Amino acid sequence: LGIALIALSYSSSCSASREDGHTEEVKLVSYGSVIKVQHVASGHRLHSHEVNYGSGSAQQSVTGTPVADDENSFWVVKGPHGEPRPAQGTPVACNSVIRLEHLTTRKNLHSHLHLSPFQNQEVSAYASDGNANGDGGDNFRVVCRPDVTYWERFATVSFEHVDTGMHLQANPKNKYNQPIAHQIEVSCTAKKSANTQWKSNEGIYFVNR
């Protein structure tokens, strides 16, 4: 099954489908899963591509795209930089530190003290080689509601950048022109708001065996 052809969701084991196409069995986000992360307020998907910033770090840009079926919006859920890899299918506990690897370019979601084109803390896709090896700037903490134990599919979460304590955001007011027209800025901010809320959506989800 090609990644680009996945319309809604698929799990590594058989399960009944609901009318909306989502599976009933896989309710948690797990390590090794390949997912799309959707900005709750705007509906845009977290996205990257082989287009570098023209300022700041000049690293690969990260944006929010309104296109739901773009294969460049898939991210692999991984454990934190410098620690042993969690077993595939292990659910991600709330407050865990994770990395998100961009599937098509093999670079990690990353932030640092460079300024974005809209003068916020820049978010990029970064790797020191072609094998998604980065650094501690790739680490983000999954922050859930206080009453939740694990990162649940479709549930609202936020992502705290570990190195800087800032929060991953998308701002629908900050729109890019060519060559990435209609896409919006993804950056980090000190203030939590509706713009810092995300949820997992389409993807391949693995279950714990």
Protein backbone atom coordinates (compact mmCIF):
# COMPACT_ATOMS: atom_id res chain seq x y z
CA LEU A 1 0.00 0.00 0.00
CA GLY A 2 1.61 3.23 -1.11
CA ILE A 3 1.82 6.04 1.41
CA ALA A 4 0.48 8.56 -1.09
CA LEU A 5 -2.67 6.51 -1.63
CA ILE A 6 -3.76 6.35 2.01
CA ALA A 7 -7.00 8.26 2.28
CA LEU A 8 -7.83 7.97 5.96
CA SER A 9 -6.26 5.39 8.21
CA TYR A 10 -4.73 1.94 8.23
CA SER A 11 -3.50 -0.23 11.08
CA SER A 12 -1.05 -3.10 11.11
CA SER A 13 -3.78 -5.54 12.10
CA CYS A 14 -7.29 -6.11 10.80
CA SER A 15 -10.07 -4.08 12.35
CA ALA A 16 -13.59 -2.94 11.55
CA SER A 17 -14.06 0.40 9.88
CA ARG A 18 -16.52 3.08 10.91
CA GLU A 19 -18.60 4.96 8.38
CA ASP A 20 -16.05 7.79 8.35
CA GLY A 21 -13.30 5.37 7.35
CA HIS A 22 -11.33 5.42 10.63
CA THR A 23 -10.56 2.13 12.33
CA GLU A 24 -12.01 1.28 15.71
CA GLU A 25 -9.10 -0.77 17.01
CA VAL A 26 -6.21 1.69 17.01
CA LYS A 27 -7.04 4.48 19.44
CA LEU A 28 -3.55 5.61 20.47
CA VAL A 29 -0.59 7.11 18.65
CA SER A 30 2.38 4.75 18.85
CA TYR A 31 6.09 4.81 18.02
CA GLY A 32 6.79 3.87 14.42
CA SER A 33 3.43 5.12 13.22
CA VAL A 34 3.38 7.29 10.09
CA ILE A 35 0.87 10.07 10.64
CA LYS A 36 -0.43 13.43 9.56
CA VAL A 37 -0.61 16.10 12.25
CA GLN A 38 -3.45 18.56 11.78
CA HIS A 39 -3.67 22.08 13.15
CA VAL A 40 -7.01 22.23 14.96
CA ALA A 41 -7.88 25.89 14.39
CA SER A 42 -7.07 26.08 10.67
CA GLY A 43 -7.38 22.47 9.52
CA HIS A 44 -3.94 22.67 7.86
CA ARG A 45 -1.60 19.68 7.99
CA LEU A 46 1.97 19.94 9.27
CA HIS A 47 4.02 19.86 6.08
CA SER A 48 7.52 20.02 4.65
CA HIS A 49 9.16 19.82 1.23
CA GLU A 50 12.50 20.41 -0.46
CA VAL A 51 12.18 24.19 -0.24
CA ASN A 52 14.63 25.95 2.07
CA TYR A 53 14.05 29.17 3.95
CA GLY A 54 15.56 32.23 2.28
CA SER A 55 16.47 33.67 5.68
CA GLY A 56 17.15 32.47 9.23
CA SER A 57 18.80 29.05 9.26
CA ALA A 58 18.28 28.44 5.50
CA GLN A 59 17.23 24.91 6.47
CA GLN A 60 14.31 23.02 4.93
CA SER A 61 11.07 24.88 5.56
CA VAL A 62 8.09 23.56 7.54
CA THR A 63 4.62 24.94 6.86
CA GLY A 64 0.93 24.19 7.20
CA THR A 65 -0.82 23.07 4.03
CA PRO A 66 -4.56 23.14 3.33
CA VAL A 67 -4.24 20.13 0.99
CA ALA A 68 -5.40 17.01 2.83
CA ASP A 69 -3.94 14.36 0.51
CA ASP A 70 -0.37 15.66 0.06
CA GLU A 71 2.19 12.90 0.66
CA ASN A 72 4.65 15.50 1.98
CA SER A 73 2.58 15.80 5.16
CA PHE A 74 3.45 12.37 6.60
CA TRP A 75 5.65 12.18 9.72
CA VAL A 76 7.17 9.17 11.50
CA VAL A 77 6.79 9.13 15.30
CA LYS A 78 10.16 8.41 16.96
CA GLY A 79 11.72 8.51 20.40
CA PRO A 80 13.95 11.38 21.56
CA HIS A 81 17.38 12.17 20.19
CA GLY A 82 20.21 10.23 21.81
CA GLU A 83 18.05 7.55 23.47
CA PRO A 84 17.28 3.93 22.50
CA ARG A 85 14.52 3.47 19.95
CA PRO A 86 11.16 2.52 21.52
CA ALA A 87 9.58 -0.68 20.23
CA GLN A 88 7.28 -0.20 17.26
CA GLY A 89 3.67 -0.09 18.39
CA THR A 90 4.42 1.16 21.90
CA PRO A 91 1.85 3.85 22.75
CA VAL A 92 3.23 7.35 23.29
CA ALA A 93 2.59 8.41 26.88
CA CYS A 94 1.59 11.99 27.56
CA ASN A 95 4.58 14.21 28.46
CA SER A 96 6.89 11.94 26.47
CA VAL A 97 9.66 13.56 24.47
CA ILE A 98 9.45 12.53 20.83
CA ARG A 99 10.76 13.40 17.39
CA LEU A 100 8.76 13.65 14.17
CA GLU A 101 10.68 12.59 11.06
CA HIS A 102 9.46 13.89 7.72
CA LEU A 103 8.82 10.75 5.70
CA THR A 104 9.81 11.86 2.23
CA THR A 105 12.96 13.88 3.03
CA ARG A 106 14.12 12.02 6.17
CA LYS A 107 14.61 15.20 8.19
CA ASN A 108 13.32 15.84 11.69
CA LEU A 109 10.95 18.53 12.87
CA HIS A 110 13.32 20.99 14.52
CA SER A 111 13.47 24.38 16.20
CA HIS A 112 16.19 26.73 17.41
CA LEU A 113 16.76 30.43 18.06
CA HIS A 114 16.75 31.56 14.42
CA LEU A 115 13.91 33.88 13.46
CA SER A 116 11.23 32.75 11.03
CA PRO A 117 10.26 34.86 7.99
CA PHE A 118 7.46 36.32 10.15
CA GLN A 119 9.85 37.05 13.06
CA ASN A 120 8.82 34.17 15.31
CA GLN A 121 11.01 31.27 16.49
CA GLU A 122 11.78 29.31 13.35
CA VAL A 123 10.70 25.69 12.86
CA SER A 124 12.55 23.72 10.20
CA ALA A 125 13.20 20.17 9.06
CA TYR A 126 16.77 19.21 9.89
CA ALA A 127 19.20 16.31 9.67
CA SER A 128 22.97 16.28 9.73
CA ASP A 129 22.99 13.50 7.11
CA GLY A 130 20.58 11.55 4.90
CA ASN A 131 19.53 9.22 7.70
CA ALA A 132 17.47 11.59 9.87
CA ASN A 133 20.30 12.06 12.38
CA GLY A 134 19.84 15.44 14.03
CA ASP A 135 20.36 16.86 17.51
CA GLY A 136 18.52 17.85 20.67
CA GLY A 137 16.70 20.62 18.80
CA ASP A 138 14.54 17.85 17.29
CA ASN A 139 12.96 16.97 20.65
CA PHE A 140 9.35 17.95 21.37
CA ARG A 141 7.23 17.05 24.40
CA VAL A 142 3.68 15.80 23.80
CA VAL A 143 1.37 17.74 26.14
CA CYS A 144 -2.12 16.25 26.57
CA ARG A 145 -5.17 17.18 28.63
CA PRO A 146 -4.55 16.63 32.38
CA ASP A 147 -6.94 13.63 32.54
CA VAL A 148 -5.30 11.72 29.66
CA THR A 149 -2.51 9.12 30.00
CA TYR A 150 -1.57 8.47 26.37
CA TRP A 151 -1.52 10.45 23.14
CA GLU A 152 -4.91 9.60 21.67
CA ARG A 153 -5.75 9.70 17.97
CA PHE A 154 -7.83 12.75 17.03
CA ALA A 155 -7.45 14.24 20.54
CA THR A 156 -6.09 17.78 20.94
CA VAL A 157 -2.46 18.02 22.10
CA SER A 158 0.31 20.59 22.02
CA PHE A 159 4.02 20.16 21.35
CA GLU A 160 6.57 21.86 23.59
CA HIS A 161 10.06 22.32 22.15
CA VAL A 162 12.33 20.90 24.83
CA ASP A 163 15.42 23.06 24.24
CA THR A 164 13.59 26.39 24.30
CA GLY A 165 10.33 25.70 26.16
CA MET A 166 8.37 27.22 23.28
CA HIS A 167 5.20 25.75 21.74
CA LEU A 168 4.66 24.60 18.17
CA GLN A 169 2.10 26.82 16.46
CA ALA A 170 0.57 27.56 13.08
CA ASN A 171 -0.73 31.02 12.32
CA PRO A 172 -3.37 31.27 9.56
CA LYS A 173 -2.72 35.03 9.29
CA ASN A 174 0.87 34.43 8.18
CA LYS A 175 0.57 33.14 4.62
CA TYR A 176 3.40 32.47 2.19
CA ASN A 177 3.60 33.42 -1.47
CA GLN A 178 5.31 31.47 -4.25
CA PRO A 179 6.80 28.88 -4.37
CA ILE A 180 4.65 27.70 -1.44
CA ALA A 181 1.52 29.79 -1.99
CA HIS A 182 -1.52 29.15 0.25
CA GLN A 183 0.64 27.55 2.92
CA ILE A 184 0.88 29.14 6.37
CA GLU A 185 3.68 29.70 8.83
CA VAL A 186 4.58 27.03 11.37
CA SER A 187 6.81 28.37 14.14
CA CYS A 188 7.24 28.29 17.92
CA THR A 189 5.77 30.73 20.43
CA ALA A 190 5.96 31.33 24.16
CA LYS A 191 2.19 31.72 24.53
CA LYS A 192 -0.20 28.76 24.42
CA SER A 193 -3.39 29.48 22.49
CA ALA A 194 -5.74 27.98 19.92
CA ASN A 195 -2.85 28.28 17.45
CA THR A 196 -0.77 25.78 19.47
CA GLN A 197 -3.37 22.99 19.36
CA TRP A 198 -2.84 19.97 17.11
CA LYS A 199 -4.27 16.48 16.58
CA SER A 200 -3.17 13.33 14.79
CA ASN A 201 -5.20 12.45 11.74
CA GLU A 202 -4.60 10.22 8.71
CA GLY A 203 -1.82 7.66 8.71
CA ILE A 204 -0.55 4.16 9.36
CA TYR A 205 -0.92 3.33 13.05
CA PHE A 206 0.79 0.34 14.63
CA VAL A 207 -0.62 -1.55 17.60
CA ASN A 208 1.34 -2.89 20.56
CA ARG A 209 1.77 -6.69 20.34
